Amino acid sequence: MKNFEENLERLEEISRSIKDPDVKLEDALNAFEEGIKLAKGMEKEIDKIEGKIQVLMNQPVASADDKPELDLFSQADEASGSAGAPKTGLRQ
């Protein structure tokens, strides 16, 4: 992120230098070329950051109130601890 901020600062410097009425055409062209390269690199970095944000935004958020919904033993008989065996003769 620091590199991005440094590049942004440099891009602002380039912009100011190009606007200077005393700048030579060749110097302005070289500065413009550098600015375009910086801007393209920064755009790629922004795309990466946006991708990371999308991944983070699409992850489910676990809450402290969320409990697993396994419900494996809700029908269990409290005395025996089992869900009960089928009645005699009713094999399934």
C-alpha atoms as a PDB file:
ATOM      1  CA  MET A   1       0.000   0.000   0.000  1.00  0.00           C
ATOM      2  CA  LYS A   2       2.901   2.342   0.727  1.00  0.00           C
ATOM      3  CA  ASN A   3       4.150   1.851  -2.832  1.00  0.00           C
ATOM      4  CA  PHE A   4       0.731   2.902  -4.119  1.00  0.00           C
ATOM      5  CA  GLU A   5       0.815   6.063  -2.029  1.00  0.00           C
ATOM      6  CA  GLU A   6       4.331   6.877  -3.236  1.00  0.00           C
ATOM      7  CA  ASN A   7       3.246   6.379  -6.843  1.00  0.00           C
ATOM      8  CA  LEU A   8       0.225   8.608  -6.321  1.00  0.00           C
ATOM      9  CA  GLU A   9       2.437  11.314  -4.888  1.00  0.00           C
ATOM     10  CA  ARG A  10       4.799  11.015  -7.870  1.00  0.00           C
ATOM     11  CA  LEU A  11       1.857  11.172 -10.270  1.00  0.00           C
ATOM     12  CA  GLU A  12       0.720  14.408  -8.626  1.00  0.00           C
ATOM     13  CA  GLU A  13       4.250  15.828  -9.005  1.00  0.00           C
ATOM     14  CA  ILE A  14       4.251  14.893 -12.681  1.00  0.00           C
ATOM     15  CA  SER A  15       0.877  16.517 -13.160  1.00  0.00           C
ATOM     16  CA  ARG A  16       2.110  19.763 -11.599  1.00  0.00           C
ATOM     17  CA  SER A  17       5.285  19.754 -13.693  1.00  0.00           C
ATOM     18  CA  ILE A  18       3.382  19.244 -16.958  1.00  0.00           C
ATOM     19  CA  LYS A  19       1.095  22.165 -16.124  1.00  0.00           C
ATOM     20  CA  ASP A  20       4.083  24.483 -15.708  1.00  0.00           C
ATOM     21  CA  PRO A  21       4.015  26.909 -18.665  1.00  0.00           C
ATOM     22  CA  ASP A  22       7.830  26.967 -18.769  1.00  0.00           C
ATOM     23  CA  VAL A  23       8.236  23.199 -19.196  1.00  0.00           C
ATOM     24  CA  LYS A  24       9.899  22.099 -22.429  1.00  0.00           C
ATOM     25  CA  LEU A  25       7.817  19.959 -24.740  1.00  0.00           C
ATOM     26  CA  GLU A  26      10.259  17.042 -24.601  1.00  0.00           C
ATOM     27  CA  ASP A  27      10.328  17.150 -20.787  1.00  0.00           C
ATOM     28  CA  ALA A  28       6.527  17.277 -20.677  1.00  0.00           C
ATOM     29  CA  LEU A  29       6.304  14.292 -23.018  1.00  0.00           C
ATOM     30  CA  ASN A  30       8.757  12.259 -20.905  1.00  0.00           C
ATOM     31  CA  ALA A  31       6.858  13.165 -17.734  1.00  0.00           C
ATOM     32  CA  PHE A  32       3.565  12.239 -19.399  1.00  0.00           C
ATOM     33  CA  GLU A  33       4.979   8.848 -20.423  1.00  0.00           C
ATOM     34  CA  GLU A  34       6.144   8.197 -16.864  1.00  0.00           C
ATOM     35  CA  GLY A  35       2.726   9.239 -15.568  1.00  0.00           C
ATOM     36  CA  ILE A  36       0.935   6.827 -17.906  1.00  0.00           C
ATOM     37  CA  LYS A  37       3.152   3.949 -16.748  1.00  0.00           C
ATOM     38  CA  LEU A  38       2.533   4.827 -13.103  1.00  0.00           C
ATOM     39  CA  ALA A  39      -1.215   5.125 -13.658  1.00  0.00           C
ATOM     40  CA  LYS A  40      -1.405   1.710 -15.373  1.00  0.00           C
ATOM     41  CA  GLY A  41       0.551   0.075 -12.551  1.00  0.00           C
ATOM     42  CA  MET A  42      -1.672   1.728  -9.968  1.00  0.00           C
ATOM     43  CA  GLU A  43      -4.774   0.569 -11.840  1.00  0.00           C
ATOM     44  CA  LYS A  44      -3.543  -3.036 -11.653  1.00  0.00           C
ATOM     45  CA  GLU A  45      -2.927  -2.630  -7.933  1.00  0.00           C
ATOM     46  CA  ILE A  46      -6.438  -1.230  -7.445  1.00  0.00           C
ATOM     47  CA  ASP A  47      -7.875  -4.206  -9.346  1.00  0.00           C
ATOM     48  CA  LYS A  48      -6.041  -6.574  -6.972  1.00  0.00           C
ATOM     49  CA  ILE A  49      -7.357  -4.691  -3.957  1.00  0.00           C
ATOM     50  CA  GLU A  50     -10.904  -4.771  -5.345  1.00  0.00           C
ATOM     51  CA  GLY A  51     -10.566  -8.527  -5.864  1.00  0.00           C
ATOM     52  CA  LYS A  52      -9.517  -8.998  -2.251  1.00  0.00           C
ATOM     53  CA  ILE A  53     -12.429  -6.865  -1.096  1.00  0.00           C
ATOM     54  CA  GLN A  54     -14.871  -8.959  -3.140  1.00  0.00           C
ATOM     55  CA  VAL A  55     -13.512 -12.147  -1.570  1.00  0.00           C
ATOM     56  CA  LEU A  56     -13.850 -10.667   1.912  1.00  0.00           C
ATOM     57  CA  MET A  57     -17.354  -9.359   1.241  1.00  0.00           C
ATOM     58  CA  ASN A  58     -18.537 -12.758  -0.011  1.00  0.00           C
ATOM     59  CA  GLN A  59     -17.285 -14.699   3.010  1.00  0.00           C
ATOM     60  CA  PRO A  60     -19.983 -15.612   5.496  1.00  0.00           C
ATOM     61  CA  VAL A  61     -19.730 -13.784   8.768  1.00  0.00           C
ATOM     62  CA  ALA A  62     -19.800 -16.004  11.831  1.00  0.00           C
ATOM     63  CA  SER A  63     -21.700 -14.555  14.737  1.00  0.00           C
ATOM     64  CA  ALA A  64     -21.230 -15.461  18.384  1.00  0.00           C
ATOM     65  CA  ASP A  65     -24.942 -16.329  18.453  1.00  0.00           C
ATOM     66  CA  ASP A  66     -24.602 -18.786  15.571  1.00  0.00           C
ATOM     67  CA  LYS A  67     -24.711 -22.371  16.702  1.00  0.00           C
ATOM     68  CA  PRO A  68     -24.071 -25.350  14.473  1.00  0.00           C
ATOM     69  CA  GLU A  69     -27.261 -26.755  13.060  1.00  0.00           C
ATOM     70  CA  LEU A  70     -26.276 -30.396  13.213  1.00  0.00           C
ATOM     71  CA  ASP A  71     -29.259 -31.412  15.343  1.00  0.00           C
ATOM     72  CA  LEU A  72     -28.050 -35.009  15.329  1.00  0.00           C
ATOM     73  CA  PHE A  73     -29.426 -35.959  18.709  1.00  0.00           C
ATOM     74  CA  SER A  74     -32.583 -33.891  19.061  1.00  0.00           C
ATOM     75  CA  GLN A  75     -34.747 -37.027  18.903  1.00  0.00           C
ATOM     76  CA  ALA A  76     -32.597 -38.916  21.398  1.00  0.00           C
ATOM     77  CA  ASP A  77     -34.225 -40.402  24.451  1.00  0.00           C
ATOM     78  CA  GLU A  78     -32.764 -38.561  27.434  1.00  0.00           C
ATOM     79  CA  ALA A  79     -32.804 -41.668  29.610  1.00  0.00           C
ATOM     80  CA  SER A  80     -31.070 -44.046  27.198  1.00  0.00           C
ATOM     81  CA  GLY A  81     -29.190 -41.483  25.118  1.00  0.00           C
ATOM     82  CA  SER A  82     -30.273 -43.168  21.905  1.00  0.00           C
ATOM     83  CA  ALA A  83     -32.700 -42.125  19.247  1.00  0.00           C
ATOM     84  CA  GLY A  84     -34.441 -45.432  19.794  1.00  0.00           C
ATOM     85  CA  ALA A  85     -34.355 -48.684  17.933  1.00  0.00           C
ATOM     86  CA  PRO A  86     -37.118 -49.728  15.567  1.00  0.00           C
ATOM     87  CA  LYS A  87     -39.903 -51.723  17.113  1.00  0.00           C
ATOM     88  CA  THR A  88     -39.657 -55.477  16.794  1.00  0.00           C
ATOM     89  CA  GLY A  89     -40.432 -56.722  13.320  1.00  0.00           C
ATOM     90  CA  LEU A  90     -40.033 -53.346  11.665  1.00  0.00           C
ATOM     91  CA  ARG A  91     -36.637 -53.569  10.037  1.00  0.00           C
ATOM     92  CA  GLN A  92     -35.770 -50.687   7.835  1.00  0.00           C
END
